[in-house]
């Protein structure tokens, strides 16, 4: 078992290898179709270059956005765990005093 698999399992990830394969294939197919669409577009090479750069930037920014959203979610989840632990500790102390 690789370390990335162990990390994913410990984080509660339930993605199967079939789902991971599907997502990679889906991304590859979308990139191929966008590339072919730009290649066969009946415009000058400078327009094709602009469209290619725009698509590369779009893909990069989509990855950045997805990572940022995931990081924010994980940070909130961690903060909620800390808050729950504090609340549980306070309730245990109140229970002992009573």
Protein backbone atom coordinates (compact mmCIF):
# COMPACT_ATOMS: atom_id res chain seq x y z
CA UNK A 1 0.00 0.00 0.00
CA UNK A 2 1.47 3.35 -1.02
CA UNK A 3 1.64 6.31 1.33
CA UNK A 4 -0.83 8.30 -0.77
CA UNK A 5 -3.31 5.42 -0.55
CA UNK A 6 -2.86 5.27 3.22
CA UNK A 7 -3.36 9.02 3.53
CA UNK A 8 -6.50 8.89 1.39
CA UNK A 9 -7.93 6.03 3.44
CA UNK A 10 -7.12 7.70 6.75
CA UNK A 11 -8.80 10.91 5.57
CA UNK A 12 -12.02 8.98 4.95
CA UNK A 13 -11.79 9.00 1.17
CA UNK A 14 -14.09 6.52 -0.50
CA UNK A 15 -12.90 6.91 -4.10
CA UNK A 16 -12.46 3.60 -5.87
CA UNK A 17 -9.76 2.93 -8.44
CA UNK A 18 -12.47 2.74 -11.10
CA UNK A 19 -13.65 6.25 -10.22
CA UNK A 20 -10.10 7.60 -10.27
CA UNK A 21 -9.51 5.98 -13.67
CA UNK A 22 -12.75 7.47 -14.97
CA UNK A 23 -11.84 10.98 -13.81
CA UNK A 24 -8.40 10.79 -15.43
CA UNK A 25 -9.90 9.46 -18.67
CA UNK A 26 -12.56 12.17 -18.61
CA UNK A 27 -9.93 14.88 -18.16
CA UNK A 28 -7.81 13.41 -20.96
CA UNK A 29 -10.77 13.22 -23.33
CA UNK A 30 -11.79 16.81 -22.59
CA UNK A 31 -8.22 18.07 -23.12
CA UNK A 32 -7.94 16.10 -26.38
CA UNK A 33 -11.26 17.44 -27.69
CA UNK A 34 -10.33 21.03 -26.79
CA UNK A 35 -6.94 20.61 -28.47
CA UNK A 36 -8.45 19.13 -31.62
CA UNK A 37 -11.07 21.87 -31.69
CA UNK A 38 -8.37 24.53 -31.57
CA UNK A 39 -6.18 22.71 -34.12
CA UNK A 40 -8.95 22.40 -36.72
CA UNK A 41 -10.39 25.88 -36.13
CA UNK A 42 -10.32 27.80 -39.43
CA UNK A 43 -8.40 30.83 -38.08
CA UNK A 44 -4.84 32.18 -38.15
CA UNK A 45 -2.14 30.53 -36.03
CA UNK A 46 -1.99 33.54 -33.69
CA UNK A 47 -5.66 33.05 -32.78
CA UNK A 48 -5.05 29.33 -32.23
CA UNK A 49 -2.12 30.18 -29.96
CA UNK A 50 -4.28 32.59 -27.97
CA UNK A 51 -7.02 29.98 -27.61
CA UNK A 52 -4.48 27.36 -26.52
CA UNK A 53 -3.01 29.68 -23.87
CA UNK A 54 -6.50 30.56 -22.65
CA UNK A 55 -7.42 26.87 -22.32
CA UNK A 56 -4.20 26.04 -20.46
CA UNK A 57 -4.83 28.95 -18.08
CA UNK A 58 -8.45 27.84 -17.60
CA UNK A 59 -7.39 24.30 -16.67
CA UNK A 60 -4.73 25.59 -14.26
CA UNK A 61 -7.12 27.98 -12.58
CA UNK A 62 -9.74 25.23 -12.27
CA UNK A 63 -7.23 23.04 -10.44
CA UNK A 64 -6.27 25.95 -8.18
CA UNK A 65 -9.91 26.73 -7.41
CA UNK A 66 -10.70 23.08 -6.62
CA UNK A 67 -7.68 22.80 -4.33
CA UNK A 68 -8.53 26.04 -2.54
CA UNK A 69 -12.12 24.96 -1.95
CA UNK A 70 -10.95 21.56 -0.67
CA UNK A 71 -8.38 23.18 1.64
CA UNK A 72 -11.00 25.55 3.06
CA UNK A 73 -13.37 22.63 3.67
CA UNK A 74 -10.66 20.62 5.43
CA UNK A 75 -9.66 23.62 7.56
CA UNK A 76 -13.27 24.12 8.67
CA UNK A 77 -13.59 20.42 9.42
CA UNK A 78 -10.44 20.52 11.55
CA UNK A 79 -11.63 23.65 13.38
CA UNK A 80 -14.98 21.96 14.06
CA UNK A 81 -13.20 18.91 15.50
CA UNK A 82 -11.21 21.13 17.85
CA UNK A 83 -14.37 22.95 18.92
CA UNK A 84 -16.18 19.64 19.51
CA UNK A 85 -13.26 18.38 21.63
CA UNK A 86 -13.32 21.57 23.72
CA UNK A 87 -17.07 21.27 24.21
CA UNK A 88 -16.78 17.63 25.18
CA UNK A 89 -14.02 18.43 27.68
CA UNK A 90 -16.09 21.24 29.19
CA UNK A 91 -19.13 18.97 29.50
CA UNK A 92 -17.03 16.29 31.20
CA UNK A 93 -15.70 18.86 33.69
CA UNK A 94 -19.20 20.14 34.40
CA UNK A 95 -20.40 16.55 34.85
CA UNK A 96 -17.62 15.81 37.37
CA UNK A 97 -18.35 18.96 39.35
CA UNK A 98 -22.06 18.19 39.56
